[in-house]
C-alpha atoms as a PDB file:
ATOM      1  CA  MET A   1      42.483  36.512  52.723  1.00  0.00           C
ATOM      2  CA  ALA A   2      42.977  40.494  53.217  1.00  0.00           C
ATOM      3  CA  ASP A   3      45.828  42.633  51.879  1.00  0.00           C
ATOM      4  CA  LYS A   4      47.455  43.825  54.513  1.00  0.00           C
ATOM      5  CA  THR A   5      48.652  46.712  52.197  1.00  0.00           C
ATOM      6  CA  MET A   6      45.417  48.405  51.826  1.00  0.00           C
ATOM      7  CA  PRO A   7      43.529  50.694  53.881  1.00  0.00           C
ATOM      8  CA  PRO A   8      40.236  49.357  55.788  1.00  0.00           C
ATOM      9  CA  THR A   9      37.577  49.678  54.130  1.00  0.00           C
ATOM     10  CA  GLU A  10      35.253  49.526  57.297  1.00  0.00           C
ATOM     11  CA  ALA A  11      35.108  53.707  58.321  1.00  0.00           C
ATOM     12  CA  PRO A  12      35.976  53.481  61.877  1.00  0.00           C
ATOM     13  CA  THR A  13      33.187  53.962  64.201  1.00  0.00           C
ATOM     14  CA  PRO A  14      33.055  57.849  66.005  1.00  0.00           C
ATOM     15  CA  THR A  15      33.576  57.754  69.796  1.00  0.00           C
ATOM     16  CA  THR A  16      33.023  60.448  72.328  1.00  0.00           C
ATOM     17  CA  ASP A  17      35.885  58.784  74.613  1.00  0.00           C
ATOM     18  CA  ALA A  18      38.910  60.904  74.451  1.00  0.00           C
ATOM     19  CA  MET A  19      42.247  59.258  74.229  1.00  0.00           C
ATOM     20  CA  PRO A  20      44.475  60.960  76.942  1.00  0.00           C
ATOM     21  CA  GLY A  21      46.534  64.118  75.995  1.00  0.00           C
ATOM     22  CA  GLU A  22      43.337  65.029  73.432  1.00  0.00           C
ATOM     23  CA  MET A  23      40.357  67.068  73.469  1.00  0.00           C
ATOM     24  CA  ALA A  24      36.889  65.638  72.701  1.00  0.00           C
ATOM     25  CA  ALA A  25      35.344  67.019  70.153  1.00  0.00           C
ATOM     26  CA  PRO A  26      31.886  69.054  71.692  1.00  0.00           C
ATOM     27  CA  THR A  27      28.814  66.985  71.324  1.00  0.00           C
ATOM     28  CA  GLN A  28      24.951  68.611  69.948  1.00  0.00           C
ATOM     29  CA  GLU A  29      24.003  69.223  73.625  1.00  0.00           C
ATOM     30  CA  MET A  30      27.407  70.706  74.382  1.00  0.00           C
ATOM     31  CA  ALA A  31      27.044  73.739  71.947  1.00  0.00           C
ATOM     32  CA  PRO A  32      25.917  76.956  72.945  1.00  0.00           C
ATOM     33  CA  GLN A  33      22.168  78.208  71.936  1.00  0.00           C
ATOM     34  CA  GLY A  34      21.963  81.330  69.832  1.00  0.00           C
ATOM     35  CA  GLY A  35      25.523  82.177  71.198  1.00  0.00           C
ATOM     36  CA  GLN A  36      27.133  85.595  70.499  1.00  0.00           C
ATOM     37  CA  VAL A  37      29.816  86.763  68.798  1.00  0.00           C
ATOM     38  CA  MET A  38      31.902  89.951  68.639  1.00  0.00           C
ATOM     39  CA  VAL A  39      33.610  91.104  65.658  1.00  0.00           C
ATOM     40  CA  GLU A  40      36.145  93.686  65.591  1.00  0.00           C
ATOM     41  CA  MET A  41      36.930  96.407  62.334  1.00  0.00           C
ATOM     42  CA  PRO A  42      39.026  99.309  61.997  1.00  0.00           C
ATOM     43  CA  SER A  43      36.871 102.295  62.155  1.00  0.00           C
ATOM     44  CA  ASP A  44      37.424 103.139  58.734  1.00  0.00           C
ATOM     45  CA  ALA A  45      35.976 100.282  57.346  1.00  0.00           C
ATOM     46  CA  PHE A  46      33.194 101.318  59.547  1.00  0.00           C
ATOM     47  CA  ASP A  47      33.014 104.614  57.921  1.00  0.00           C
ATOM     48  CA  ALA A  48      32.703 103.278  54.748  1.00  0.00           C
ATOM     49  CA  ILE A  49      30.012 101.009  55.475  1.00  0.00           C
ATOM     50  CA  TYR A  50      28.032 103.817  57.054  1.00  0.00           C
ATOM     51  CA  ALA A  51      28.640 106.037  54.895  1.00  0.00           C
ATOM     52  CA  LEU A  52      27.265 103.031  51.615  1.00  0.00           C
ATOM     53  CA  VAL A  53      24.201 102.185  54.292  1.00  0.00           C
ATOM     54  CA  THR A  54      23.241 105.657  54.437  1.00  0.00           C
ATOM     55  CA  GLN A  55      23.910 106.323  50.395  1.00  0.00           C
ATOM     56  CA  LEU A  56      21.260 103.583  49.754  1.00  0.00           C
ATOM     57  CA  ALA A  57      18.473 104.569  52.310  1.00  0.00           C
ATOM     58  CA  SER A  58      18.861 108.154  50.839  1.00  0.00           C
ATOM     59  CA  GLY A  59      18.381 106.402  47.199  1.00  0.00           C
ATOM     60  CA  LEU A  60      15.073 103.849  48.499  1.00  0.00           C
ATOM     61  CA  GLU A  61      13.466 107.243  49.835  1.00  0.00           C
ATOM     62  CA  SER A  62      13.943 109.082  46.386  1.00  0.00           C
ATOM     63  CA  LEU A  63      12.724 105.695  44.937  1.00  0.00           C
ATOM     64  CA  LYS A  64       9.884 105.537  47.644  1.00  0.00           C
ATOM     65  CA  ALA A  65       8.827 109.306  46.598  1.00  0.00           C
ATOM     66  CA  GLU A  66       8.766 107.884  42.926  1.00  0.00           C
ATOM     67  CA  VAL A  67       6.250 104.762  43.523  1.00  0.00           C
ATOM     68  CA  ASP A  68       4.021 107.022  45.676  1.00  0.00           C
ATOM     69  CA  ALA A  69       4.154 109.898  42.819  1.00  0.00           C
ATOM     70  CA  GLN A  70       3.377 107.011  40.550  1.00  0.00           C
ATOM     71  CA  LYS A  71       0.645 105.674  42.917  1.00  0.00           C
ATOM     72  CA  GLY A  72      -0.692 109.059  43.075  1.00  0.00           C
ATOM     73  CA  ALA A  73      -1.236 109.632  39.128  1.00  0.00           C
ATOM     74  CA  GLU A  74      -2.709 106.337  38.697  1.00  0.00           C
ATOM     75  CA  ALA A  75      -5.189 107.161  41.119  1.00  0.00           C
ATOM     76  CA  GLY A  76      -6.192 109.949  38.628  1.00  0.00           C
ATOM     77  CA  MET A  77      -5.957 107.550  35.952  1.00  0.00           C
ATOM     78  CA  ALA A  78      -5.726 110.010  32.701  1.00  0.00           C
ATOM     79  CA  PRO A  79      -7.751 108.550  29.656  1.00  0.00           C
ATOM     80  CA  GLU A  80      -5.720 106.388  27.707  1.00  0.00           C
ATOM     81  CA  GLY A  81      -3.623 107.886  25.078  1.00  0.00           C
ATOM     82  CA  ALA A  82      -2.682 110.543  27.928  1.00  0.00           C
ATOM     83  CA  GLU A  83       1.124 110.802  28.362  1.00  0.00           C
ATOM     84  CA  ALA A  84       2.514 109.138  31.323  1.00  0.00           C
ATOM     85  CA  PRO A  85       2.804 111.289  34.410  1.00  0.00           C
ATOM     86  CA  MET A  86       6.073 112.919  35.145  1.00  0.00           C
ATOM     87  CA  PRO A  87       8.324 112.660  38.560  1.00  0.00           C
ATOM     88  CA  PRO A  88       7.920 115.033  40.901  1.00  0.00           C
ATOM     89  CA  GLU A  89       9.995 117.918  40.630  1.00  0.00           C
ATOM     90  CA  GLY A  90      13.759 117.386  42.094  1.00  0.00           C
ATOM     91  CA  ALA A  91      13.366 113.923  41.426  1.00  0.00           C
ATOM     92  CA  GLY A  92      16.337 112.813  39.786  1.00  0.00           C
ATOM     93  CA  THR A  93      17.340 110.099  36.855  1.00  0.00           C
ATOM     94  CA  ASP A  94      18.785 106.625  37.935  1.00  0.00           C
ATOM     95  CA  GLU A  95      21.936 107.353  36.072  1.00  0.00           C
ATOM     96  CA  GLU A  96      21.966 110.512  37.973  1.00  0.00           C
ATOM     97  CA  PHE A  97      21.625 109.286  40.886  1.00  0.00           C
ATOM     98  CA  LEU A  98      24.280 106.581  40.343  1.00  0.00           C
ATOM     99  CA  LYS A  99      26.262 109.326  39.052  1.00  0.00           C
ATOM    100  CA  SER A 100      26.026 111.279  42.300  1.00  0.00           C
ATOM    101  CA  ILE A 101      26.931 107.947  44.905  1.00  0.00           C
ATOM    102  CA  ALA A 102      30.106 107.443  42.440  1.00  0.00           C
ATOM    103  CA  GLU A 103      31.273 110.780  42.802  1.00  0.00           C
ATOM    104  CA  GLN A 104      31.073 110.584  46.731  1.00  0.00           C
ATOM    105  CA  GLY A 105      32.481 107.554  46.576  1.00  0.00           C
ATOM    106  CA  SER A 106      35.273 108.371  44.462  1.00  0.00           C
ATOM    107  CA  VAL A 107      35.791 111.726  47.066  1.00  0.00           C
ATOM    108  CA  ARG A 108      36.347 109.433  49.910  1.00  0.00           C
END
């Protein structure tokens, strides 16, 4: 004999038929494929994102120049015991780059 104060142990089977006054859940067939989304944001937020991406791109260009310089130095490989090649003139250290980004961010 089942206790009527306890909830049923079997889960009800889901149906796609909606009760009058209720909306039916969309099925997989009705879902849009590759839908589009429009996002709104404040102009200040967009400007901050743009500035950050621009700074990252600048840092990436600097890093690429250093990597290319190292590749060039490896191509003319010096004999063992020689000093490591110096980065190209005007290329700063990582700390200097990070400091410049922090300064630019604090100005804004």
